[in-house]
Amino acid sequence: MPIIYSTHPLHPRAAKMLAGAGELRIASALDAATLKQESRDAAAVIVRAVLPPDMFAGDHVIRAAIRHGAGLDMIPVEEATAAGVLVANLPGANARSVAEHAIFAALALLRGFRRIDGDLRRHGWFAGREHANSARELAGRTLGIVGMGAIGREVAAIGHHGFGLEVLGASRSGKGFPDHARAVPLDVLVAESDIIVLACPLTPDTVGLMSRQRILAMKPGALLVNVSRGPVIDDEALLEALREGGIGGAALDVFTRQPLAPDHPYLGLDNVIVTPHLAGITEESMMRMGVGAVEEALRVLAGELPLNLRNPEAVARYRQRFPQ
């Protein structure tokens, strides 16, 4: 039976789908050497960890690398294409989970949840209540969303329909805007938004997108929520703004270096909520992503192309390697 190699365990429903069609093998470790060695005889790889650039070099028989999620930054797409390996992802599979997390994080920042919870636990009831007078409502604010893909559209829908927020959006493509989101240039969005949600992919163009200049241009008291990727933000500039009160707070689910170092300055700030890259992980999204990834793997094993093929230029080389 063909081997399906996954960097992480799959949802039970997804694993069950492989019964009789393929052998599921889970990575024993996530270092580059282990991933490359253990996947050498696999027909498809399901990806939730960074693959080494030379993953597809040598005598491997990998037909497809399938992202358990949307972002392709974990897969060396250029090298896969050169080797005739199909790359696929699951756009939108975890969009609702990420969007709910973004709104939850914004609410927690506005209400001062970290300070209230911490002081109540450490110093008692009245110490926690002291923060109530500085809590703020979400209603009536302007939500700016950077990136209008599946996640950005879900954030816009929750913000507008759930809370009646004015929604601004910025997108490099200029596409994907629902009627309830007004398209504006990025710098206008930064200057006018009370809450900025970063939901763009990581590309050479988005590295450092929230630069020092843009962070300084944010409204006093504005909030920054990052469910994109860490390198999209200039960390030093953000830390400076948070320490000096230039902005109200930040909720960060992703970081330039992960895992986050235990002595990272973000961890010492009360106006920062940090989470370990889990915005898109829920019971429901893990089922959708696992099932979707296995469905794509089964298509490839059946001689079909993935529905969400992201490197069509690899198909000619792929057909040479695996003639039908």
C-alpha atoms as a PDB file:
ATOM      1  CA  MET A   1       0.000   0.000   0.000  1.00  0.00           C
ATOM      2  CA  PRO A   2       1.221   3.544  -0.693  1.00  0.00           C
ATOM      3  CA  ILE A   3       2.513   5.474   2.301  1.00  0.00           C
ATOM      4  CA  ILE A   4       1.013   8.793   3.399  1.00  0.00           C
ATOM      5  CA  TYR A   5       3.539  10.566   5.603  1.00  0.00           C
ATOM      6  CA  SER A   6       2.218  13.222   7.966  1.00  0.00           C
ATOM      7  CA  THR A   7       4.333  15.511  10.090  1.00  0.00           C
ATOM      8  CA  HIS A   8       1.652  15.339  12.823  1.00  0.00           C
ATOM      9  CA  PRO A   9      -1.171  12.991  13.820  1.00  0.00           C
ATOM     10  CA  LEU A  10      -4.396  13.478  11.868  1.00  0.00           C
ATOM     11  CA  HIS A  11      -7.944  13.840  13.118  1.00  0.00           C
ATOM     12  CA  PRO A  12      -9.393  10.336  13.691  1.00  0.00           C
ATOM     13  CA  ARG A  13     -11.973  10.818  10.942  1.00  0.00           C
ATOM     14  CA  ALA A  14      -9.223  11.705   8.484  1.00  0.00           C
ATOM     15  CA  ALA A  15      -7.017   8.784   9.508  1.00  0.00           C
ATOM     16  CA  LYS A  16      -9.955   6.384   9.134  1.00  0.00           C
ATOM     17  CA  MET A  17     -10.417   7.486   5.505  1.00  0.00           C
ATOM     18  CA  LEU A  18      -7.045   5.927   4.626  1.00  0.00           C
ATOM     19  CA  ALA A  19      -8.109   2.427   5.674  1.00  0.00           C
ATOM     20  CA  GLY A  20      -7.500   0.124   2.725  1.00  0.00           C
ATOM     21  CA  ALA A  21      -6.129   2.937   0.548  1.00  0.00           C
ATOM     22  CA  GLY A  22      -2.826   3.736   2.135  1.00  0.00           C
ATOM     23  CA  GLU A  23      -0.591   3.364   5.163  1.00  0.00           C
ATOM     24  CA  LEU A  24      -0.453   6.415   7.439  1.00  0.00           C
ATOM     25  CA  ARG A  25       2.987   7.106   8.863  1.00  0.00           C
ATOM     26  CA  ILE A  26       3.521   9.880  11.449  1.00  0.00           C
ATOM     27  CA  ALA A  27       6.861  11.663  11.770  1.00  0.00           C
ATOM     28  CA  SER A  28       8.891  10.564  14.794  1.00  0.00           C
ATOM     29  CA  ALA A  29      10.556  13.996  14.987  1.00  0.00           C
ATOM     30  CA  LEU A  30      10.400  17.294  13.101  1.00  0.00           C
ATOM     31  CA  ASP A  31      14.065  17.975  12.389  1.00  0.00           C
ATOM     32  CA  ALA A  32      15.106  18.220   8.748  1.00  0.00           C
ATOM     33  CA  ALA A  33      17.099  14.981   8.650  1.00  0.00           C
ATOM     34  CA  THR A  34      14.265  12.917  10.131  1.00  0.00           C
ATOM     35  CA  LEU A  35      11.620  14.377   7.844  1.00  0.00           C
ATOM     36  CA  LYS A  36      13.732  13.760   4.774  1.00  0.00           C
ATOM     37  CA  GLN A  37      14.692  10.212   5.738  1.00  0.00           C
ATOM     38  CA  GLU A  38      11.274   9.014   6.901  1.00  0.00           C
ATOM     39  CA  SER A  39       9.419  10.411   3.889  1.00  0.00           C
ATOM     40  CA  ARG A  40      11.704   8.987   1.223  1.00  0.00           C
ATOM     41  CA  ASP A  41       9.349   6.127   0.295  1.00  0.00           C
ATOM     42  CA  ALA A  42       6.117   8.082   0.836  1.00  0.00           C
ATOM     43  CA  ALA A  43       3.734   8.841  -2.001  1.00  0.00           C
ATOM     44  CA  ALA A  44       2.385  11.994  -0.365  1.00  0.00           C
ATOM     45  CA  VAL A  45       3.348  14.226   2.551  1.00  0.00           C
ATOM     46  CA  ILE A  46       0.820  16.071   4.730  1.00  0.00           C
ATOM     47  CA  VAL A  47       2.500  19.163   6.088  1.00  0.00           C
ATOM     48  CA  ARG A  48       2.171  20.935   9.452  1.00  0.00           C
ATOM     49  CA  ALA A  49       5.892  21.630   9.977  1.00  0.00           C
ATOM     50  CA  VAL A  50       8.600  23.361   7.976  1.00  0.00           C
ATOM     51  CA  LEU A  51      10.004  21.027   5.327  1.00  0.00           C
ATOM     52  CA  PRO A  52      13.727  21.259   4.510  1.00  0.00           C
ATOM     53  CA  PRO A  53      14.591  22.760   1.094  1.00  0.00           C
ATOM     54  CA  ASP A  54      16.209  19.481   0.002  1.00  0.00           C
ATOM     55  CA  MET A  55      13.178  17.382   1.003  1.00  0.00           C
ATOM     56  CA  PHE A  56      12.570  16.379  -2.605  1.00  0.00           C
ATOM     57  CA  ALA A  57      16.167  15.771  -3.661  1.00  0.00           C
ATOM     58  CA  GLY A  58      17.518  12.343  -4.504  1.00  0.00           C
ATOM     59  CA  ASP A  59      15.573   9.144  -5.091  1.00  0.00           C
ATOM     60  CA  HIS A  60      12.330   9.971  -3.259  1.00  0.00           C
ATOM     61  CA  VAL A  61       8.968   8.913  -4.732  1.00  0.00           C
ATOM     62  CA  ILE A  62       6.907  11.763  -3.271  1.00  0.00           C
ATOM     63  CA  ARG A  63       4.107  12.783  -5.584  1.00  0.00           C
ATOM     64  CA  ALA A  64       2.529  15.577  -3.553  1.00  0.00           C
ATOM     65  CA  ALA A  65       3.112  17.844  -0.567  1.00  0.00           C
ATOM     66  CA  ILE A  66      -0.261  18.791   0.889  1.00  0.00           C
ATOM     67  CA  ARG A  67      -0.533  21.606   3.397  1.00  0.00           C
ATOM     68  CA  HIS A  68      -2.730  20.834   6.416  1.00  0.00           C
ATOM     69  CA  GLY A  69      -4.010  24.416   6.263  1.00  0.00           C
ATOM     70  CA  ALA A  70      -3.591  27.365   3.924  1.00  0.00           C
ATOM     71  CA  GLY A  71      -0.168  29.009   4.270  1.00  0.00           C
ATOM     72  CA  LEU A  72       2.492  27.641   1.934  1.00  0.00           C
ATOM     73  CA  ASP A  73       5.512  29.055   3.764  1.00  0.00           C
ATOM     74  CA  MET A  74       6.201  25.638   5.327  1.00  0.00           C
ATOM     75  CA  ILE A  75       6.702  24.008   1.919  1.00  0.00           C
ATOM     76  CA  PRO A  76       9.717  24.730  -0.344  1.00  0.00           C
ATOM     77  CA  VAL A  77       7.448  25.296  -3.340  1.00  0.00           C
ATOM     78  CA  GLU A  78      10.200  26.194  -5.796  1.00  0.00           C
ATOM     79  CA  GLU A  79      12.173  23.040  -5.027  1.00  0.00           C
ATOM     80  CA  ALA A  80       9.018  20.916  -5.147  1.00  0.00           C
ATOM     81  CA  THR A  81       8.131  22.325  -8.548  1.00  0.00           C
ATOM     82  CA  ALA A  82      11.601  21.637  -9.930  1.00  0.00           C
ATOM     83  CA  ALA A  83      11.336  18.039  -8.686  1.00  0.00           C
ATOM     84  CA  GLY A  84       7.886  17.509 -10.182  1.00  0.00           C
ATOM     85  CA  VAL A  85       6.131  17.352  -6.814  1.00  0.00           C
ATOM     86  CA  LEU A  86       2.578  18.694  -6.698  1.00  0.00           C
ATOM     87  CA  VAL A  87       1.837  21.242  -3.954  1.00  0.00           C
ATOM     88  CA  ALA A  88      -1.682  21.674  -2.623  1.00  0.00           C
ATOM     89  CA  ASN A  89      -3.313  23.456   0.302  1.00  0.00           C
ATOM     90  CA  LEU A  90      -6.728  23.867   1.925  1.00  0.00           C
ATOM     91  CA  PRO A  91      -7.772  27.515   1.604  1.00  0.00           C
ATOM     92  CA  GLY A  92     -10.541  28.413   3.997  1.00  0.00           C
ATOM     93  CA  ALA A  93     -10.524  25.185   5.996  1.00  0.00           C
ATOM     94  CA  ASN A  94      -9.598  26.959   9.237  1.00  0.00           C
ATOM     95  CA  ALA A  95     -10.759  30.474   8.308  1.00  0.00           C
ATOM     96  CA  ARG A  96     -13.659  30.547  10.749  1.00  0.00           C
ATOM     97  CA  SER A  97     -11.477  29.370  13.645  1.00  0.00           C
ATOM     98  CA  VAL A  98      -8.850  32.040  12.935  1.00  0.00           C
ATOM     99  CA  ALA A  99     -11.460  34.759  12.504  1.00  0.00           C
ATOM    100  CA  GLU A 100     -13.193  33.911  15.790  1.00  0.00           C
ATOM    101  CA  HIS A 101      -9.815  34.000  17.530  1.00  0.00           C
ATOM    102  CA  ALA A 102      -9.046  37.439  16.082  1.00  0.00           C
ATOM    103  CA  ILE A 103     -12.323  38.909  17.353  1.00  0.00           C
ATOM    104  CA  PHE A 104     -11.936  37.160  20.719  1.00  0.00           C
ATOM    105  CA  ALA A 105      -8.437  38.618  21.095  1.00  0.00           C
ATOM    106  CA  ALA A 106      -9.647  42.126  20.227  1.00  0.00           C
ATOM    107  CA  LEU A 107     -12.413  41.870  22.840  1.00  0.00           C
ATOM    108  CA  ALA A 108      -9.974  40.603  25.466  1.00  0.00           C
ATOM    109  CA  LEU A 109      -7.652  43.544  24.816  1.00  0.00           C
ATOM    110  CA  LEU A 110     -10.465  46.103  24.920  1.00  0.00           C
ATOM    111  CA  ARG A 111     -11.766  44.797  28.242  1.00  0.00           C
ATOM    112  CA  GLY A 112      -8.298  44.476  29.794  1.00  0.00           C
ATOM    113  CA  PHE A 113      -8.801  40.778  30.426  1.00  0.00           C
ATOM    114  CA  ARG A 114      -5.173  39.949  31.255  1.00  0.00           C
ATOM    115  CA  ARG A 115      -4.901  42.680  33.902  1.00  0.00           C
ATOM    116  CA  ILE A 116      -8.292  41.900  35.417  1.00  0.00           C
ATOM    117  CA  ASP A 117      -7.706  38.175  35.579  1.00  0.00           C
ATOM    118  CA  GLY A 118      -4.154  38.542  36.910  1.00  0.00           C
ATOM    119  CA  ASP A 119      -4.962  41.081  39.618  1.00  0.00           C
ATOM    120  CA  LEU A 120      -8.063  39.199  40.735  1.00  0.00           C
ATOM    121  CA  ARG A 121      -6.019  36.040  41.181  1.00  0.00           C
ATOM    122  CA  ARG A 122      -3.047  37.759  42.839  1.00  0.00           C
ATOM    123  CA  HIS A 123      -4.643  40.561  44.819  1.00  0.00           C
ATOM    124  CA  GLY A 124      -8.333  39.813  45.160  1.00  0.00           C
ATOM    125  CA  TRP A 125     -11.765  40.866  43.972  1.00  0.00           C
ATOM    126  CA  PHE A 126     -11.485  44.632  44.272  1.00  0.00           C
ATOM    127  CA  ALA A 127      -8.061  44.782  42.652  1.00  0.00           C
ATOM    128  CA  GLY A 128      -9.539  43.097  39.587  1.00  0.00           C
ATOM    129  CA  ARG A 129     -12.536  45.441  39.514  1.00  0.00           C
ATOM    130  CA  GLU A 130     -10.259  48.491  39.496  1.00  0.00           C
ATOM    131  CA  HIS A 131      -9.624  47.928  35.806  1.00  0.00           C
ATOM    132  CA  ALA A 132     -13.303  48.010  34.835  1.00  0.00           C
ATOM    133  CA  ASN A 133     -13.493  51.775  34.405  1.00  0.00           C
ATOM    134  CA  SER A 134     -10.848  51.705  31.683  1.00  0.00           C
ATOM    135  CA  ALA A 135     -12.458  48.816  29.764  1.00  0.00           C
ATOM    136  CA  ARG A 136     -13.737  49.651  26.290  1.00  0.00           C
ATOM    137  CA  GLU A 137     -16.554  48.351  24.105  1.00  0.00           C
ATOM    138  CA  LEU A 138     -16.090  46.944  20.630  1.00  0.00           C
ATOM    139  CA  ALA A 139     -19.222  48.592  19.271  1.00  0.00           C
ATOM    140  CA  GLY A 140     -18.766  51.754  17.253  1.00  0.00           C
ATOM    141  CA  ARG A 141     -15.182  51.099  16.269  1.00  0.00           C
ATOM    142  CA  THR A 142     -13.479  50.756  12.905  1.00  0.00           C
ATOM    143  CA  LEU A 143     -11.990  47.374  12.021  1.00  0.00           C
ATOM    144  CA  GLY A 144      -9.178  47.310   9.490  1.00  0.00           C
ATOM    145  CA  ILE A 145      -8.269  43.981   7.871  1.00  0.00           C
ATOM    146  CA  VAL A 146      -5.031  43.481   5.967  1.00  0.00           C
ATOM    147  CA  GLY A 147      -5.564  40.609   3.536  1.00  0.00           C
ATOM    148  CA  MET A 148      -8.954  39.773   2.043  1.00  0.00           C
ATOM    149  CA  GLY A 149      -8.605  36.039   1.614  1.00  0.00           C
ATOM    150  CA  ALA A 150     -10.855  33.521   3.342  1.00  0.00           C
ATOM    151  CA  ILE A 151      -9.741  34.584   6.826  1.00  0.00           C
ATOM    152  CA  GLY A 152     -10.052  38.294   6.133  1.00  0.00           C
ATOM    153  CA  ARG A 153     -13.560  37.857   4.767  1.00  0.00           C
ATOM    154  CA  GLU A 154     -14.619  35.843   7.830  1.00  0.00           C
ATOM    155  CA  VAL A 155     -13.231  38.519  10.169  1.00  0.00           C
ATOM    156  CA  ALA A 156     -15.111  41.151   8.175  1.00  0.00           C
ATOM    157  CA  ALA A 157     -18.359  39.198   8.381  1.00  0.00           C
ATOM    158  CA  ILE A 158     -18.144  38.704  12.149  1.00  0.00           C
ATOM    159  CA  GLY A 159     -17.131  42.314  12.746  1.00  0.00           C
ATOM    160  CA  HIS A 160     -19.824  43.838  10.573  1.00  0.00           C
ATOM    161  CA  HIS A 161     -22.784  41.498  11.065  1.00  0.00           C
ATOM    162  CA  GLY A 162     -21.998  40.534  14.655  1.00  0.00           C
ATOM    163  CA  PHE A 163     -20.915  43.890  16.080  1.00  0.00           C
ATOM    164  CA  GLY A 164     -21.969  46.487  13.536  1.00  0.00           C
ATOM    165  CA  LEU A 165     -18.391  47.645  12.942  1.00  0.00           C
ATOM    166  CA  GLU A 166     -17.260  49.753  10.032  1.00  0.00           C
ATOM    167  CA  VAL A 167     -14.870  47.498   8.113  1.00  0.00           C
ATOM    168  CA  LEU A 168     -11.911  48.669   6.044  1.00  0.00           C
ATOM    169  CA  GLY A 169      -9.831  46.287   3.987  1.00  0.00           C
ATOM    170  CA  ALA A 170      -6.498  46.375   2.184  1.00  0.00           C
ATOM    171  CA  SER A 171      -5.408  43.744  -0.304  1.00  0.00           C
ATOM    172  CA  ARG A 172      -2.599  43.558  -2.834  1.00  0.00           C
ATOM    173  CA  SER A 173      -4.904  41.965  -5.394  1.00  0.00           C
ATOM    174  CA  GLY A 174      -7.755  44.406  -4.849  1.00  0.00           C
ATOM    175  CA  LYS A 175     -10.135  41.429  -4.981  1.00  0.00           C
ATOM    176  CA  GLY A 176     -12.284  39.541  -2.526  1.00  0.00           C
ATOM    177  CA  PHE A 177     -14.020  42.486  -0.868  1.00  0.00           C
ATOM    178  CA  PRO A 178     -17.560  41.813   0.373  1.00  0.00           C
ATOM    179  CA  ASP A 179     -20.113  44.618   0.223  1.00  0.00           C
ATOM    180  CA  HIS A 180     -19.674  45.365   3.921  1.00  0.00           C
ATOM    181  CA  ALA A 181     -15.902  46.008   3.639  1.00  0.00           C
ATOM    182  CA  ARG A 182     -14.566  49.223   2.072  1.00  0.00           C
ATOM    183  CA  ALA A 183     -11.336  48.856   0.103  1.00  0.00           C
ATOM    184  CA  VAL A 184      -8.717  51.447   1.029  1.00  0.00           C
ATOM    185  CA  PRO A 185      -4.936  51.811   0.631  1.00  0.00           C
ATOM    186  CA  LEU A 186      -2.964  50.193   3.454  1.00  0.00           C
ATOM    187  CA  ASP A 187      -1.724  53.484   4.872  1.00  0.00           C
ATOM    188  CA  VAL A 188      -5.277  54.822   5.060  1.00  0.00           C
ATOM    189  CA  LEU A 189      -6.381  51.662   6.838  1.00  0.00           C
ATOM    190  CA  VAL A 190      -3.553  51.985   9.374  1.00  0.00           C
ATOM    191  CA  ALA A 191      -4.384  55.619  10.120  1.00  0.00           C
ATOM    192  CA  GLU A 192      -8.162  55.186  10.443  1.00  0.00           C
ATOM    193  CA  SER A 193      -8.624  51.803  12.143  1.00  0.00           C
ATOM    194  CA  ASP A 194      -9.206  51.257  15.859  1.00  0.00           C
ATOM    195  CA  ILE A 195      -8.386  47.558  15.456  1.00  0.00           C
ATOM    196  CA  ILE A 196      -6.037  46.241  12.783  1.00  0.00           C
ATOM    197  CA  VAL A 197      -6.131  42.514  11.995  1.00  0.00           C
ATOM    198  CA  LEU A 198      -3.241  41.135   9.954  1.00  0.00           C
ATOM    199  CA  ALA A 199      -4.539  38.221   7.873  1.00  0.00           C
ATOM    200  CA  CYS A 200      -2.224  38.351   4.865  1.00  0.00           C
ATOM    201  CA  PRO A 201       0.077  35.573   3.624  1.00  0.00           C
ATOM    202  CA  LEU A 202       3.814  35.714   4.246  1.00  0.00           C
ATOM    203  CA  THR A 203       5.570  36.686   1.016  1.00  0.00           C
ATOM    204  CA  PRO A 204       8.648  38.780   0.220  1.00  0.00           C
ATOM    205  CA  ASP A 205       6.257  41.733  -0.201  1.00  0.00           C
ATOM    206  CA  THR A 206       4.660  41.333   3.236  1.00  0.00           C
ATOM    207  CA  VAL A 207       7.815  40.898   5.327  1.00  0.00           C
ATOM    208  CA  GLY A 208       7.983  44.010   7.513  1.00  0.00           C
ATOM    209  CA  LEU A 209       4.624  45.228   6.208  1.00  0.00           C
ATOM    210  CA  MET A 210       3.803  46.707   9.633  1.00  0.00           C
ATOM    211  CA  SER A 211       6.934  48.817   9.662  1.00  0.00           C
ATOM    212  CA  ARG A 212       8.004  51.370  12.238  1.00  0.00           C
ATOM    213  CA  GLN A 213       6.469  54.110  10.118  1.00  0.00           C
ATOM    214  CA  ARG A 214       3.114  52.358   9.944  1.00  0.00           C
ATOM    215  CA  ILE A 215       3.085  51.460  13.647  1.00  0.00           C
ATOM    216  CA  LEU A 216       3.774  55.113  14.483  1.00  0.00           C
ATOM    217  CA  ALA A 217       0.875  56.083  12.212  1.00  0.00           C
ATOM    218  CA  MET A 218      -1.652  53.982  14.161  1.00  0.00           C
ATOM    219  CA  LYS A 219      -4.262  55.788  16.254  1.00  0.00           C
ATOM    220  CA  PRO A 220      -3.440  56.320  19.943  1.00  0.00           C
ATOM    221  CA  GLY A 221      -5.046  53.411  21.753  1.00  0.00           C
ATOM    222  CA  ALA A 222      -5.460  51.325  18.592  1.00  0.00           C
ATOM    223  CA  LEU A 223      -4.996  47.562  18.744  1.00  0.00           C
ATOM    224  CA  LEU A 224      -2.969  45.252  16.508  1.00  0.00           C
ATOM    225  CA  VAL A 225      -3.995  41.597  16.077  1.00  0.00           C
ATOM    226  CA  ASN A 226      -1.648  39.312  14.138  1.00  0.00           C
ATOM    227  CA  VAL A 227      -2.997  35.991  12.851  1.00  0.00           C
ATOM    228  CA  SER A 228      -0.783  36.148   9.746  1.00  0.00           C
ATOM    229  CA  ARG A 229       2.912  35.378  10.271  1.00  0.00           C
ATOM    230  CA  GLY A 230       5.458  36.903  12.650  1.00  0.00           C
ATOM    231  CA  PRO A 231       7.808  38.527  10.103  1.00  0.00           C
ATOM    232  CA  VAL A 232       4.966  40.743   8.872  1.00  0.00           C
ATOM    233  CA  ILE A 233       5.633  42.982  11.918  1.00  0.00           C
ATOM    234  CA  ASP A 234       8.713  45.007  12.879  1.00  0.00           C
ATOM    235  CA  ASP A 235       9.049  43.607  16.405  1.00  0.00           C
ATOM    236  CA  GLU A 236      11.306  46.320  17.789  1.00  0.00           C
ATOM    237  CA  ALA A 237       8.991  49.064  16.596  1.00  0.00           C
ATOM    238  CA  LEU A 238       5.946  47.300  18.042  1.00  0.00           C
ATOM    239  CA  LEU A 239       7.635  46.737  21.395  1.00  0.00           C
ATOM    240  CA  GLU A 240       8.555  50.409  21.561  1.00  0.00           C
ATOM    241  CA  ALA A 241       4.971  51.486  20.799  1.00  0.00           C
ATOM    242  CA  LEU A 242       3.558  49.096  23.399  1.00  0.00           C
ATOM    243  CA  ARG A 243       5.978  50.177  26.114  1.00  0.00           C
ATOM    244  CA  GLU A 244       5.503  53.880  25.501  1.00  0.00           C
ATOM    245  CA  GLY A 245       1.727  53.777  25.109  1.00  0.00           C
ATOM    246  CA  GLY A 246       1.775  54.703  21.439  1.00  0.00           C
ATOM    247  CA  ILE A 247      -0.895  52.071  20.833  1.00  0.00           C
ATOM    248  CA  GLY A 248      -3.329  50.352  23.146  1.00  0.00           C
ATOM    249  CA  GLY A 249      -2.204  46.758  22.831  1.00  0.00           C
ATOM    250  CA  ALA A 250      -1.477  43.793  20.640  1.00  0.00           C
ATOM    251  CA  ALA A 251      -2.650  40.208  20.330  1.00  0.00           C
ATOM    252  CA  LEU A 252      -0.013  38.012  18.703  1.00  0.00           C
ATOM    253  CA  ASP A 253      -0.525  34.405  17.668  1.00  0.00           C
ATOM    254  CA  VAL A 254       2.565  34.170  15.455  1.00  0.00           C
ATOM    255  CA  PHE A 255       6.171  35.270  15.859  1.00  0.00           C
ATOM    256  CA  THR A 256       9.313  35.781  13.836  1.00  0.00           C
ATOM    257  CA  ARG A 257      10.954  32.896  15.695  1.00  0.00           C
ATOM    258  CA  GLN A 258       8.876  30.038  16.979  1.00  0.00           C
ATOM    259  CA  PRO A 259       8.597  28.691  19.613  1.00  0.00           C
ATOM    260  CA  LEU A 260       8.668  32.041  21.388  1.00  0.00           C
ATOM    261  CA  ALA A 261      11.660  32.343  23.715  1.00  0.00           C
ATOM    262  CA  PRO A 262      10.643  32.177  27.406  1.00  0.00           C
ATOM    263  CA  ASP A 263      12.363  35.515  28.065  1.00  0.00           C
ATOM    264  CA  HIS A 264      10.890  37.337  25.073  1.00  0.00           C
ATOM    265  CA  PRO A 265       9.909  40.953  25.907  1.00  0.00           C
ATOM    266  CA  TYR A 266       6.343  40.398  24.693  1.00  0.00           C
ATOM    267  CA  LEU A 267       5.755  38.095  27.645  1.00  0.00           C
ATOM    268  CA  GLY A 268       6.443  40.871  30.132  1.00  0.00           C
ATOM    269  CA  LEU A 269       3.833  43.322  28.827  1.00  0.00           C
ATOM    270  CA  ASP A 270       0.315  43.482  30.280  1.00  0.00           C
ATOM    271  CA  ASN A 271      -1.080  45.057  27.119  1.00  0.00           C
ATOM    272  CA  VAL A 272      -0.077  42.060  25.000  1.00  0.00           C
ATOM    273  CA  ILE A 273      -1.912  38.766  24.577  1.00  0.00           C
ATOM    274  CA  VAL A 274       0.305  35.977  23.265  1.00  0.00           C
ATOM    275  CA  THR A 275      -0.849  32.591  22.030  1.00  0.00           C
ATOM    276  CA  PRO A 276       1.300  29.767  20.567  1.00  0.00           C
ATOM    277  CA  HIS A 277       0.214  29.773  16.901  1.00  0.00           C
ATOM    278  CA  LEU A 278      -3.128  28.155  17.602  1.00  0.00           C
ATOM    279  CA  ALA A 279      -5.683  30.584  16.155  1.00  0.00           C
ATOM    280  CA  GLY A 280      -6.639  28.108  13.445  1.00  0.00           C
ATOM    281  CA  ILE A 281      -6.732  25.034  15.663  1.00  0.00           C
ATOM    282  CA  THR A 282     -10.077  23.851  16.978  1.00  0.00           C
ATOM    283  CA  GLU A 283     -11.752  20.461  17.044  1.00  0.00           C
ATOM    284  CA  GLU A 284     -13.816  21.479  14.038  1.00  0.00           C
ATOM    285  CA  SER A 285     -10.978  22.933  11.977  1.00  0.00           C
ATOM    286  CA  MET A 286      -8.696  19.967  12.666  1.00  0.00           C
ATOM    287  CA  MET A 287     -11.385  17.687  11.302  1.00  0.00           C
ATOM    288  CA  ARG A 288     -11.888  19.856   8.202  1.00  0.00           C
ATOM    289  CA  MET A 289      -8.169  20.191   7.516  1.00  0.00           C
ATOM    290  CA  GLY A 290      -7.387  16.530   8.162  1.00  0.00           C
ATOM    291  CA  VAL A 291     -10.226  15.292   5.974  1.00  0.00           C
ATOM    292  CA  GLY A 292      -9.369  17.809   3.261  1.00  0.00           C
ATOM    293  CA  ALA A 293      -5.698  16.844   3.223  1.00  0.00           C
ATOM    294  CA  VAL A 294      -6.492  13.125   3.029  1.00  0.00           C
ATOM    295  CA  GLU A 295      -9.001  13.729   0.230  1.00  0.00           C
ATOM    296  CA  GLU A 296      -6.302  15.506  -1.765  1.00  0.00           C
ATOM    297  CA  ALA A 297      -3.841  12.672  -1.084  1.00  0.00           C
ATOM    298  CA  LEU A 298      -6.363  10.097  -2.248  1.00  0.00           C
ATOM    299  CA  ARG A 299      -6.955  12.069  -5.444  1.00  0.00           C
ATOM    300  CA  VAL A 300      -3.237  12.000  -6.186  1.00  0.00           C
ATOM    301  CA  LEU A 301      -3.035   8.265  -5.472  1.00  0.00           C
ATOM    302  CA  ALA A 302      -5.928   7.769  -7.908  1.00  0.00           C
ATOM    303  CA  GLY A 303      -3.982   9.543 -10.652  1.00  0.00           C
ATOM    304  CA  GLU A 304      -5.866  12.833 -10.412  1.00  0.00           C
ATOM    305  CA  LEU A 305      -4.525  16.315  -9.737  1.00  0.00           C
ATOM    306  CA  PRO A 306      -5.351  18.020  -6.422  1.00  0.00           C
ATOM    307  CA  LEU A 307      -8.359  20.324  -6.434  1.00  0.00           C
ATOM    308  CA  ASN A 308      -6.260  23.066  -4.820  1.00  0.00           C
ATOM    309  CA  LEU A 309      -3.090  22.653  -6.880  1.00  0.00           C
ATOM    310  CA  ARG A 310      -0.763  25.564  -6.163  1.00  0.00           C
ATOM    311  CA  ASN A 311       2.095  24.864  -8.596  1.00  0.00           C
ATOM    312  CA  PRO A 312       0.528  23.873 -11.944  1.00  0.00           C
ATOM    313  CA  GLU A 313       3.904  24.472 -13.586  1.00  0.00           C
ATOM    314  CA  ALA A 314       5.058  21.229 -11.916  1.00  0.00           C
ATOM    315  CA  VAL A 315       2.533  19.075 -13.762  1.00  0.00           C
ATOM    316  CA  ALA A 316       4.656  18.403 -16.875  1.00  0.00           C
ATOM    317  CA  ARG A 317       7.596  17.167 -14.803  1.00  0.00           C
ATOM    318  CA  TYR A 318       5.184  15.250 -12.561  1.00  0.00           C
ATOM    319  CA  ARG A 319       3.702  13.458 -15.606  1.00  0.00           C
ATOM    320  CA  GLN A 320       7.206  12.477 -16.696  1.00  0.00           C
ATOM    321  CA  ARG A 321       7.903  10.953 -13.291  1.00  0.00           C
ATOM    322  CA  PHE A 322       4.543   9.227 -12.960  1.00  0.00           C
ATOM    323  CA  PRO A 323       3.160   8.486 -16.446  1.00  0.00           C
ATOM    324  CA  GLN A 324      -0.478   7.411 -16.452  1.00  0.00           C
END
